[in-house]
Amino acid sequence: MYKHYPSAYQASKGTALQVDKEFYRRIREGQDHRTLVEQFEVAIRTGYAWKVPAGHVFRITTPVGPQVGDLNLWSLHDPRERMWASRSRQLQGAHVSTYDRLWSNLPFLRPMVTITDDSLANYGVDEHGGRLHDLLGTRCDPYVNRMLTGQDFHHHCHSNLTRAVLPYGLTEFDVHDVLNVFQCTGLNHDDMYFMKDCPAKQGDYLEFFAEIDLLCALSTCPGGDLSVPMWGPDAQDPLSVCRPLGVEVYRLDEQLLEGWEQPERAAYNSVHGLKIEKAAWEK
């Protein structure tokens, strides 16, 4: 085993990396002070997009049994601001759970959501180094599938997410690297990405607090619970292990939100050291 080495990005006092755990604990435990405002299921091998106002909570659930989901996030008012998986991975970890945040891309760089509850938080690290809720990999897509199999398949997570966001004026170019919800992954001894069977049971959930107004999109992965290989010599159609995912959106009572403010976009002035000289008539 390698010796432990400290992470590169350390929280300083007063920065956004220093999460107010008491506030998010209050939200998690305040079940009597929330109102269900929307609930739906995402059918197998499909995608769906929905809005979540800032200060609301949304849950992704497994209403039937184990199933992996691929999540995308955008600012509702400016879809150029989207979840930045790689920076979230650096700031929070390659796998996320309670109190971790998902951050937006440059030049915005602010927390989009904070995870308030995770029914699988105690999964930890298994014997293969697998962990849950993965930012290591990304969505499956029909381009790689064509490259590996020579066949077209139109229900990969990239395609599901693309179809889901079309009604909101977004396209394939807006779909981005994902949070793989309920997915168990890691890196093997060859430093290669692996995926394991999803350990979620019926009724498990991952819950998020919306720090800003959001457009969310979720794909029910065509690999289902990932217990059947999709590629390689043993590949087969995993349709039999595909299940729906549930989504619940809650409005929180004002008392739970006391002291909370939406995060501002990054304070950096974005000039990157460039200087603009005055025109001749301005001198």
C-alpha atoms as a PDB file:
ATOM      1  CA  MET A   1       0.000   0.000   0.000  1.00  0.00           C
ATOM      2  CA  TYR A   2       1.107   3.548  -0.695  1.00  0.00           C
ATOM      3  CA  LYS A   3       1.664   5.913   2.196  1.00  0.00           C
ATOM      4  CA  HIS A   4      -1.018   8.551   2.654  1.00  0.00           C
ATOM      5  CA  TYR A   5      -0.236  11.887   1.026  1.00  0.00           C
ATOM      6  CA  PRO A   6      -2.255  15.052   1.782  1.00  0.00           C
ATOM      7  CA  SER A   7      -4.667  16.468  -0.775  1.00  0.00           C
ATOM      8  CA  ALA A   8      -3.548  19.403  -2.888  1.00  0.00           C
ATOM      9  CA  TYR A   9      -6.555  21.631  -2.154  1.00  0.00           C
ATOM     10  CA  GLN A  10      -6.924  22.429   1.532  1.00  0.00           C
ATOM     11  CA  ALA A  11      -9.810  24.362   3.111  1.00  0.00           C
ATOM     12  CA  SER A  12      -8.935  27.741   4.592  1.00  0.00           C
ATOM     13  CA  LYS A  13     -11.068  29.396   7.234  1.00  0.00           C
ATOM     14  CA  GLY A  14     -13.988  31.256   5.737  1.00  0.00           C
ATOM     15  CA  THR A  15     -13.739  29.751   2.232  1.00  0.00           C
ATOM     16  CA  ALA A  16     -16.498  27.833   0.435  1.00  0.00           C
ATOM     17  CA  LEU A  17     -14.623  24.594   1.100  1.00  0.00           C
ATOM     18  CA  GLN A  18     -15.378  25.034   4.784  1.00  0.00           C
ATOM     19  CA  VAL A  19     -18.948  23.755   4.849  1.00  0.00           C
ATOM     20  CA  ASP A  20     -21.390  24.782   7.570  1.00  0.00           C
ATOM     21  CA  LYS A  21     -22.247  21.218   8.552  1.00  0.00           C
ATOM     22  CA  GLU A  22     -24.701  22.340  11.229  1.00  0.00           C
ATOM     23  CA  PHE A  23     -26.822  24.097   8.580  1.00  0.00           C
ATOM     24  CA  TYR A  24     -26.970  21.048   6.301  1.00  0.00           C
ATOM     25  CA  ARG A  25     -27.566  18.736   9.264  1.00  0.00           C
ATOM     26  CA  ARG A  26     -30.573  20.913  10.149  1.00  0.00           C
ATOM     27  CA  ILE A  27     -31.917  20.426   6.624  1.00  0.00           C
ATOM     28  CA  ARG A  28     -31.336  16.675   6.764  1.00  0.00           C
ATOM     29  CA  GLU A  29     -33.068  16.297  10.107  1.00  0.00           C
ATOM     30  CA  GLY A  30     -35.868  18.769   9.411  1.00  0.00           C
ATOM     31  CA  GLN A  31     -38.132  16.273   7.675  1.00  0.00           C
ATOM     32  CA  ASP A  32     -41.232  17.864   9.256  1.00  0.00           C
ATOM     33  CA  HIS A  33     -40.323  21.237   7.755  1.00  0.00           C
ATOM     34  CA  ARG A  34     -40.325  20.342   4.058  1.00  0.00           C
ATOM     35  CA  THR A  35     -43.092  19.965   1.484  1.00  0.00           C
ATOM     36  CA  LEU A  36     -43.009  17.613  -1.492  1.00  0.00           C
ATOM     37  CA  VAL A  37     -43.632  19.751  -4.601  1.00  0.00           C
ATOM     38  CA  GLU A  38     -42.712  17.330  -7.395  1.00  0.00           C
ATOM     39  CA  GLN A  39     -42.206  13.580  -7.729  1.00  0.00           C
ATOM     40  CA  PHE A  40     -41.649  11.380 -10.761  1.00  0.00           C
ATOM     41  CA  GLU A  41     -39.844   8.291 -12.048  1.00  0.00           C
ATOM     42  CA  VAL A  42     -37.344   8.144 -14.892  1.00  0.00           C
ATOM     43  CA  ALA A  43     -38.045   4.997 -16.883  1.00  0.00           C
ATOM     44  CA  ILE A  44     -35.308   2.544 -17.792  1.00  0.00           C
ATOM     45  CA  ARG A  45     -32.872   3.624 -20.518  1.00  0.00           C
ATOM     46  CA  THR A  46     -34.321   7.131 -20.731  1.00  0.00           C
ATOM     47  CA  GLY A  47     -33.498  10.596 -19.444  1.00  0.00           C
ATOM     48  CA  TYR A  48     -35.493  13.430 -17.926  1.00  0.00           C
ATOM     49  CA  ALA A  49     -34.773  17.076 -17.104  1.00  0.00           C
ATOM     50  CA  TRP A  50     -36.384  19.210 -14.417  1.00  0.00           C
ATOM     51  CA  LYS A  51     -35.980  22.526 -12.577  1.00  0.00           C
ATOM     52  CA  VAL A  52     -35.052  22.984  -8.928  1.00  0.00           C
ATOM     53  CA  PRO A  53     -35.253  26.460  -7.347  1.00  0.00           C
ATOM     54  CA  ALA A  54     -32.446  27.622  -5.085  1.00  0.00           C
ATOM     55  CA  GLY A  55     -33.057  26.696  -1.464  1.00  0.00           C
ATOM     56  CA  HIS A  56     -34.954  23.523  -2.380  1.00  0.00           C
ATOM     57  CA  VAL A  57     -33.869  19.923  -1.883  1.00  0.00           C
ATOM     58  CA  PHE A  58     -34.061  17.103  -4.411  1.00  0.00           C
ATOM     59  CA  ARG A  59     -33.557  13.374  -3.936  1.00  0.00           C
ATOM     60  CA  ILE A  60     -32.616  10.693  -6.421  1.00  0.00           C
ATOM     61  CA  THR A  61     -34.033   7.352  -5.266  1.00  0.00           C
ATOM     62  CA  THR A  62     -34.070   3.669  -6.156  1.00  0.00           C
ATOM     63  CA  PRO A  63     -37.819   2.873  -5.982  1.00  0.00           C
ATOM     64  CA  VAL A  64     -37.460  -0.696  -7.274  1.00  0.00           C
ATOM     65  CA  GLY A  65     -33.868  -1.751  -6.663  1.00  0.00           C
ATOM     66  CA  PRO A  66     -30.268  -1.142  -7.700  1.00  0.00           C
ATOM     67  CA  GLN A  67     -29.791   1.189 -10.666  1.00  0.00           C
ATOM     68  CA  VAL A  68     -27.060   3.618 -11.701  1.00  0.00           C
ATOM     69  CA  GLY A  69     -27.923   7.160 -12.798  1.00  0.00           C
ATOM     70  CA  ASP A  70     -25.922   9.855 -14.606  1.00  0.00           C
ATOM     71  CA  LEU A  71     -26.565  13.406 -13.373  1.00  0.00           C
ATOM     72  CA  ASN A  72     -25.938  16.733 -15.133  1.00  0.00           C
ATOM     73  CA  LEU A  73     -26.478  20.208 -13.642  1.00  0.00           C
ATOM     74  CA  TRP A  74     -26.727  23.670 -15.205  1.00  0.00           C
ATOM     75  CA  SER A  75     -27.560  27.123 -13.908  1.00  0.00           C
ATOM     76  CA  LEU A  76     -31.200  27.598 -14.854  1.00  0.00           C
ATOM     77  CA  HIS A  77     -30.561  31.173 -16.008  1.00  0.00           C
ATOM     78  CA  ASP A  78     -27.267  30.659 -17.839  1.00  0.00           C
ATOM     79  CA  PRO A  79     -26.518  27.130 -19.091  1.00  0.00           C
ATOM     80  CA  ARG A  80     -22.952  28.158 -19.836  1.00  0.00           C
ATOM     81  CA  GLU A  81     -22.573  27.576 -16.095  1.00  0.00           C
ATOM     82  CA  ARG A  82     -22.559  23.829 -15.585  1.00  0.00           C
ATOM     83  CA  MET A  83     -21.261  21.208 -13.196  1.00  0.00           C
ATOM     84  CA  TRP A  84     -17.480  20.851 -13.381  1.00  0.00           C
ATOM     85  CA  ALA A  85     -16.789  17.216 -12.558  1.00  0.00           C
ATOM     86  CA  SER A  86     -12.988  17.384 -12.627  1.00  0.00           C
ATOM     87  CA  ARG A  87     -12.709  20.391 -10.298  1.00  0.00           C
ATOM     88  CA  SER A  88     -15.344  18.901  -8.001  1.00  0.00           C
ATOM     89  CA  ARG A  89     -13.204  15.770  -7.946  1.00  0.00           C
ATOM     90  CA  GLN A  90     -10.151  17.802  -6.929  1.00  0.00           C
ATOM     91  CA  LEU A  91     -11.943  19.883  -4.309  1.00  0.00           C
ATOM     92  CA  GLN A  92     -14.159  17.187  -2.775  1.00  0.00           C
ATOM     93  CA  GLY A  93     -12.952  13.757  -3.862  1.00  0.00           C
ATOM     94  CA  ALA A  94     -13.327  11.259  -6.672  1.00  0.00           C
ATOM     95  CA  HIS A  95     -16.418   9.906  -4.893  1.00  0.00           C
ATOM     96  CA  VAL A  96     -18.811  12.152  -2.977  1.00  0.00           C
ATOM     97  CA  SER A  97     -21.227  11.880  -0.088  1.00  0.00           C
ATOM     98  CA  THR A  98     -22.798  13.960   2.683  1.00  0.00           C
ATOM     99  CA  TYR A  99     -21.484  17.568   2.942  1.00  0.00           C
ATOM    100  CA  ASP A 100     -19.606  17.345  -0.365  1.00  0.00           C
ATOM    101  CA  ARG A 101     -20.366  19.897  -3.067  1.00  0.00           C
ATOM    102  CA  LEU A 102     -20.571  19.881  -6.850  1.00  0.00           C
ATOM    103  CA  TRP A 103     -18.934  22.968  -8.333  1.00  0.00           C
ATOM    104  CA  SER A 104     -19.543  24.935 -11.517  1.00  0.00           C
ATOM    105  CA  ASN A 105     -17.091  25.640 -14.308  1.00  0.00           C
ATOM    106  CA  LEU A 106     -15.038  28.779 -14.972  1.00  0.00           C
ATOM    107  CA  PRO A 107     -15.514  31.694 -14.757  1.00  0.00           C
ATOM    108  CA  PHE A 108     -18.337  30.976 -12.291  1.00  0.00           C
ATOM    109  CA  LEU A 109     -16.704  28.532  -9.854  1.00  0.00           C
ATOM    110  CA  ARG A 110     -19.251  28.246  -7.089  1.00  0.00           C
ATOM    111  CA  PRO A 111     -21.066  25.377  -5.378  1.00  0.00           C
ATOM    112  CA  MET A 112     -24.168  24.390  -7.320  1.00  0.00           C
ATOM    113  CA  VAL A 113     -25.386  21.767  -4.834  1.00  0.00           C
ATOM    114  CA  THR A 114     -24.371  20.416  -1.460  1.00  0.00           C
ATOM    115  CA  ILE A 115     -25.134  16.790  -0.593  1.00  0.00           C
ATOM    116  CA  THR A 116     -27.305  16.757   2.512  1.00  0.00           C
ATOM    117  CA  ASP A 117     -28.042  13.048   2.898  1.00  0.00           C
ATOM    118  CA  ASP A 118     -26.862   9.701   1.555  1.00  0.00           C
ATOM    119  CA  SER A 119     -28.469   6.426   2.605  1.00  0.00           C
ATOM    120  CA  LEU A 120     -25.319   4.614   1.410  1.00  0.00           C
ATOM    121  CA  ALA A 121     -22.839   6.851   3.226  1.00  0.00           C
ATOM    122  CA  ASN A 122     -21.541   3.925   5.271  1.00  0.00           C
ATOM    123  CA  TYR A 123     -20.499   1.872   2.243  1.00  0.00           C
ATOM    124  CA  GLY A 124     -16.960   3.208   2.567  1.00  0.00           C
ATOM    125  CA  VAL A 125     -14.216   1.430   0.609  1.00  0.00           C
ATOM    126  CA  ASP A 126     -14.683  -2.215  -0.385  1.00  0.00           C
ATOM    127  CA  GLU A 127     -12.066  -4.937  -0.853  1.00  0.00           C
ATOM    128  CA  HIS A 128     -11.318  -3.792  -4.404  1.00  0.00           C
ATOM    129  CA  GLY A 129     -11.048  -0.120  -3.558  1.00  0.00           C
ATOM    130  CA  GLY A 130     -14.536   0.566  -4.873  1.00  0.00           C
ATOM    131  CA  ARG A 131     -16.480   3.570  -3.598  1.00  0.00           C
ATOM    132  CA  LEU A 132     -19.885   5.074  -4.400  1.00  0.00           C
ATOM    133  CA  HIS A 133     -21.206   8.159  -6.258  1.00  0.00           C
ATOM    134  CA  ASP A 134     -18.438   8.509  -8.777  1.00  0.00           C
ATOM    135  CA  LEU A 135     -16.801  11.568 -10.358  1.00  0.00           C
ATOM    136  CA  LEU A 136     -13.961   9.450 -11.776  1.00  0.00           C
ATOM    137  CA  GLY A 137     -15.578   8.319 -14.980  1.00  0.00           C
ATOM    138  CA  THR A 138     -18.215   9.862 -17.198  1.00  0.00           C
ATOM    139  CA  ARG A 139     -21.341   8.958 -19.135  1.00  0.00           C
ATOM    140  CA  CYS A 140     -21.454   6.053 -21.549  1.00  0.00           C
ATOM    141  CA  ASP A 141     -21.923   7.255 -25.123  1.00  0.00           C
ATOM    142  CA  PRO A 142     -22.799   5.846 -28.564  1.00  0.00           C
ATOM    143  CA  TYR A 143     -19.502   6.960 -30.078  1.00  0.00           C
ATOM    144  CA  VAL A 144     -17.380   4.740 -27.827  1.00  0.00           C
ATOM    145  CA  ASN A 145     -19.955   1.975 -28.209  1.00  0.00           C
ATOM    146  CA  ARG A 146     -19.609   2.129 -31.991  1.00  0.00           C
ATOM    147  CA  MET A 147     -15.826   2.088 -31.646  1.00  0.00           C
ATOM    148  CA  LEU A 148     -15.856  -0.982 -29.374  1.00  0.00           C
ATOM    149  CA  THR A 149     -18.666  -2.992 -30.927  1.00  0.00           C
ATOM    150  CA  GLY A 150     -19.198  -1.678 -34.456  1.00  0.00           C
ATOM    151  CA  GLN A 151     -22.892  -1.220 -33.640  1.00  0.00           C
ATOM    152  CA  ASP A 152     -25.142   1.754 -32.952  1.00  0.00           C
ATOM    153  CA  PHE A 153     -27.159   1.979 -29.736  1.00  0.00           C
ATOM    154  CA  HIS A 154     -29.241   5.068 -29.032  1.00  0.00           C
ATOM    155  CA  HIS A 155     -29.884   4.813 -25.302  1.00  0.00           C
ATOM    156  CA  HIS A 156     -26.495   5.493 -23.766  1.00  0.00           C
ATOM    157  CA  CYS A 157     -26.501   8.090 -20.995  1.00  0.00           C
ATOM    158  CA  HIS A 158     -25.070  10.739 -23.329  1.00  0.00           C
ATOM    159  CA  SER A 159     -27.975  10.194 -25.734  1.00  0.00           C
ATOM    160  CA  ASN A 160     -30.546  10.005 -22.926  1.00  0.00           C
ATOM    161  CA  LEU A 161     -29.317  13.319 -21.507  1.00  0.00           C
ATOM    162  CA  THR A 162     -29.258  14.895 -24.964  1.00  0.00           C
ATOM    163  CA  ARG A 163     -32.910  14.019 -25.566  1.00  0.00           C
ATOM    164  CA  ALA A 164     -33.843  15.171 -22.059  1.00  0.00           C
ATOM    165  CA  VAL A 165     -32.518  18.717 -22.430  1.00  0.00           C
ATOM    166  CA  LEU A 166     -33.744  19.430 -25.974  1.00  0.00           C
ATOM    167  CA  PRO A 167     -37.032  20.943 -24.672  1.00  0.00           C
ATOM    168  CA  TYR A 168     -34.938  23.482 -22.729  1.00  0.00           C
ATOM    169  CA  GLY A 169     -33.077  24.678 -25.802  1.00  0.00           C
ATOM    170  CA  LEU A 170     -29.897  22.731 -25.034  1.00  0.00           C
ATOM    171  CA  THR A 171     -28.116  20.254 -27.281  1.00  0.00           C
ATOM    172  CA  GLU A 172     -25.534  17.482 -27.249  1.00  0.00           C
ATOM    173  CA  PHE A 173     -22.846  20.153 -26.848  1.00  0.00           C
ATOM    174  CA  ASP A 174     -24.313  21.155 -23.474  1.00  0.00           C
ATOM    175  CA  VAL A 175     -24.213  17.622 -22.028  1.00  0.00           C
ATOM    176  CA  HIS A 176     -21.145  17.293 -19.830  1.00  0.00           C
ATOM    177  CA  ASP A 177     -19.231  14.984 -17.514  1.00  0.00           C
ATOM    178  CA  VAL A 178     -21.529  13.495 -14.919  1.00  0.00           C
ATOM    179  CA  LEU A 179     -21.928  12.430 -11.343  1.00  0.00           C
ATOM    180  CA  ASN A 180     -22.517   8.667 -11.506  1.00  0.00           C
ATOM    181  CA  VAL A 181     -25.122   8.279  -8.775  1.00  0.00           C
ATOM    182  CA  PHE A 182     -25.180   4.907  -6.956  1.00  0.00           C
ATOM    183  CA  GLN A 183     -22.265   3.718  -9.092  1.00  0.00           C
ATOM    184  CA  CYS A 184     -19.410   1.766  -7.455  1.00  0.00           C
ATOM    185  CA  THR A 185     -16.055   2.437  -9.114  1.00  0.00           C
ATOM    186  CA  GLY A 186     -12.345   2.790  -8.541  1.00  0.00           C
ATOM    187  CA  LEU A 187      -8.915   2.403 -10.125  1.00  0.00           C
ATOM    188  CA  ASN A 188      -7.296  -1.024 -10.285  1.00  0.00           C
ATOM    189  CA  HIS A 189      -3.572  -1.870  -9.925  1.00  0.00           C
ATOM    190  CA  ASP A 190      -3.059  -0.950 -13.579  1.00  0.00           C
ATOM    191  CA  ASP A 191      -4.543   2.491 -12.837  1.00  0.00           C
ATOM    192  CA  MET A 192      -7.535   1.576 -15.015  1.00  0.00           C
ATOM    193  CA  TYR A 193     -11.119   2.520 -14.266  1.00  0.00           C
ATOM    194  CA  PHE A 194     -13.415  -0.288 -13.080  1.00  0.00           C
ATOM    195  CA  MET A 195     -17.150  -0.520 -12.359  1.00  0.00           C
ATOM    196  CA  LYS A 196     -18.794  -2.947  -9.957  1.00  0.00           C
ATOM    197  CA  ASP A 197     -22.333  -4.142  -9.232  1.00  0.00           C
ATOM    198  CA  CYS A 198     -24.439  -1.353  -7.749  1.00  0.00           C
ATOM    199  CA  PRO A 199     -25.017  -2.081  -4.035  1.00  0.00           C
ATOM    200  CA  ALA A 200     -28.137   0.094  -3.701  1.00  0.00           C
ATOM    201  CA  LYS A 201     -31.325  -1.511  -2.421  1.00  0.00           C
ATOM    202  CA  GLN A 202     -34.933  -0.522  -2.914  1.00  0.00           C
ATOM    203  CA  GLY A 203     -35.509   2.805  -1.154  1.00  0.00           C
ATOM    204  CA  ASP A 204     -31.931   4.096  -1.128  1.00  0.00           C
ATOM    205  CA  TYR A 205     -31.369   7.752  -1.979  1.00  0.00           C
ATOM    206  CA  LEU A 206     -28.896  10.575  -2.485  1.00  0.00           C
ATOM    207  CA  GLU A 207     -30.138  14.043  -1.515  1.00  0.00           C
ATOM    208  CA  PHE A 208     -28.947  17.468  -2.703  1.00  0.00           C
ATOM    209  CA  PHE A 209     -29.528  21.049  -1.549  1.00  0.00           C
ATOM    210  CA  ALA A 210     -29.781  23.471  -4.491  1.00  0.00           C
ATOM    211  CA  GLU A 211     -27.445  26.409  -3.844  1.00  0.00           C
ATOM    212  CA  ILE A 212     -28.624  28.191  -7.033  1.00  0.00           C
ATOM    213  CA  ASP A 213     -31.565  27.851  -9.432  1.00  0.00           C
ATOM    214  CA  LEU A 214     -30.887  24.655 -11.360  1.00  0.00           C
ATOM    215  CA  LEU A 215     -31.757  22.734 -14.461  1.00  0.00           C
ATOM    216  CA  CYS A 216     -31.050  19.077 -13.702  1.00  0.00           C
ATOM    217  CA  ALA A 217     -31.009  16.080 -16.030  1.00  0.00           C
ATOM    218  CA  LEU A 218     -30.789  12.407 -15.097  1.00  0.00           C
ATOM    219  CA  SER A 219     -30.253   9.316 -17.224  1.00  0.00           C
ATOM    220  CA  THR A 220     -31.099   5.801 -16.101  1.00  0.00           C
ATOM    221  CA  CYS A 221     -27.984   4.037 -17.312  1.00  0.00           C
ATOM    222  CA  PRO A 222     -28.628   1.332 -19.956  1.00  0.00           C
ATOM    223  CA  GLY A 223     -26.229  -0.862 -17.992  1.00  0.00           C
ATOM    224  CA  GLY A 224     -28.767  -0.987 -15.161  1.00  0.00           C
ATOM    225  CA  ASP A 225     -27.047  -2.087 -11.963  1.00  0.00           C
ATOM    226  CA  LEU A 226     -23.805  -2.872 -13.863  1.00  0.00           C
ATOM    227  CA  SER A 227     -23.896  -6.550 -12.858  1.00  0.00           C
ATOM    228  CA  VAL A 228     -23.757  -7.555 -16.543  1.00  0.00           C
ATOM    229  CA  PRO A 229     -20.770  -6.535 -18.733  1.00  0.00           C
ATOM    230  CA  MET A 230     -21.660  -4.253 -21.640  1.00  0.00           C
ATOM    231  CA  TRP A 231     -18.353  -4.614 -23.492  1.00  0.00           C
ATOM    232  CA  GLY A 232     -15.641  -7.221 -23.914  1.00  0.00           C
ATOM    233  CA  PRO A 233     -15.713 -10.976 -24.576  1.00  0.00           C
ATOM    234  CA  ASP A 234     -18.500 -11.616 -22.044  1.00  0.00           C
ATOM    235  CA  ALA A 235     -20.705  -8.694 -23.118  1.00  0.00           C
ATOM    236  CA  GLN A 236     -24.454  -9.145 -23.153  1.00  0.00           C
ATOM    237  CA  ASP A 237     -27.543  -6.956 -23.110  1.00  0.00           C
ATOM    238  CA  PRO A 238     -28.154  -5.962 -19.452  1.00  0.00           C
ATOM    239  CA  LEU A 239     -31.830  -5.106 -20.038  1.00  0.00           C
ATOM    240  CA  SER A 240     -32.905  -7.573 -17.346  1.00  0.00           C
ATOM    241  CA  VAL A 241     -31.029  -5.599 -14.654  1.00  0.00           C
ATOM    242  CA  CYS A 242     -32.353  -2.150 -15.679  1.00  0.00           C
ATOM    243  CA  ARG A 243     -34.697  -0.381 -13.256  1.00  0.00           C
ATOM    244  CA  PRO A 244     -36.233   3.110 -12.982  1.00  0.00           C
ATOM    245  CA  LEU A 245     -34.939   5.899 -10.768  1.00  0.00           C
ATOM    246  CA  GLY A 246     -37.105   8.242  -8.739  1.00  0.00           C
ATOM    247  CA  VAL A 247     -36.804  11.996  -8.170  1.00  0.00           C
ATOM    248  CA  GLU A 248     -38.402  13.989  -5.362  1.00  0.00           C
ATOM    249  CA  VAL A 249     -38.242  17.788  -5.017  1.00  0.00           C
ATOM    250  CA  TYR A 250     -38.978  19.479  -1.679  1.00  0.00           C
ATOM    251  CA  ARG A 251     -39.623  23.081  -0.689  1.00  0.00           C
ATOM    252  CA  LEU A 252     -38.097  23.890   2.704  1.00  0.00           C
ATOM    253  CA  ASP A 253     -39.705  25.996   5.416  1.00  0.00           C
ATOM    254  CA  GLU A 254     -38.071  29.391   5.838  1.00  0.00           C
ATOM    255  CA  GLN A 255     -36.856  28.515   9.329  1.00  0.00           C
ATOM    256  CA  LEU A 256     -34.558  25.862   7.862  1.00  0.00           C
ATOM    257  CA  LEU A 257     -32.970  28.422   5.520  1.00  0.00           C
ATOM    258  CA  GLU A 258     -32.167  30.975   8.193  1.00  0.00           C
ATOM    259  CA  GLY A 259     -28.650  32.353   7.644  1.00  0.00           C
ATOM    260  CA  TRP A 260     -28.268  30.873   4.140  1.00  0.00           C
ATOM    261  CA  GLU A 261     -27.450  32.946   1.062  1.00  0.00           C
ATOM    262  CA  GLN A 262     -26.936  31.877  -2.530  1.00  0.00           C
ATOM    263  CA  PRO A 263     -23.216  31.694  -3.375  1.00  0.00           C
ATOM    264  CA  GLU A 264     -21.843  34.417  -5.626  1.00  0.00           C
ATOM    265  CA  ARG A 265     -19.837  33.597  -8.720  1.00  0.00           C
ATOM    266  CA  ALA A 266     -16.051  33.660  -8.328  1.00  0.00           C
ATOM    267  CA  ALA A 267     -14.691  37.043  -7.250  1.00  0.00           C
ATOM    268  CA  TYR A 268     -11.768  37.008  -9.690  1.00  0.00           C
ATOM    269  CA  ASN A 269     -12.077  39.903 -12.172  1.00  0.00           C
ATOM    270  CA  SER A 270     -11.411  37.660 -15.203  1.00  0.00           C
ATOM    271  CA  VAL A 271      -8.956  39.996 -16.962  1.00  0.00           C
ATOM    272  CA  HIS A 272      -6.122  37.423 -16.779  1.00  0.00           C
ATOM    273  CA  GLY A 273      -3.462  40.117 -16.590  1.00  0.00           C
ATOM    274  CA  LEU A 274      -4.519  41.780 -19.837  1.00  0.00           C
ATOM    275  CA  LYS A 275      -4.447  45.554 -20.092  1.00  0.00           C
ATOM    276  CA  ILE A 276      -6.610  47.508 -22.508  1.00  0.00           C
ATOM    277  CA  GLU A 277      -4.989  50.669 -23.743  1.00  0.00           C
ATOM    278  CA  LYS A 278      -7.092  53.762 -24.229  1.00  0.00           C
ATOM    279  CA  ALA A 279      -7.951  54.737 -27.783  1.00  0.00           C
ATOM    280  CA  ALA A 280      -6.237  57.829 -29.150  1.00  0.00           C
ATOM    281  CA  TRP A 281      -9.341  59.992 -28.743  1.00  0.00           C
ATOM    282  CA  GLU A 282      -9.639  58.939 -25.083  1.00  0.00           C
ATOM    283  CA  LYS A 283      -6.144  60.093 -24.139  1.00  0.00           C
END
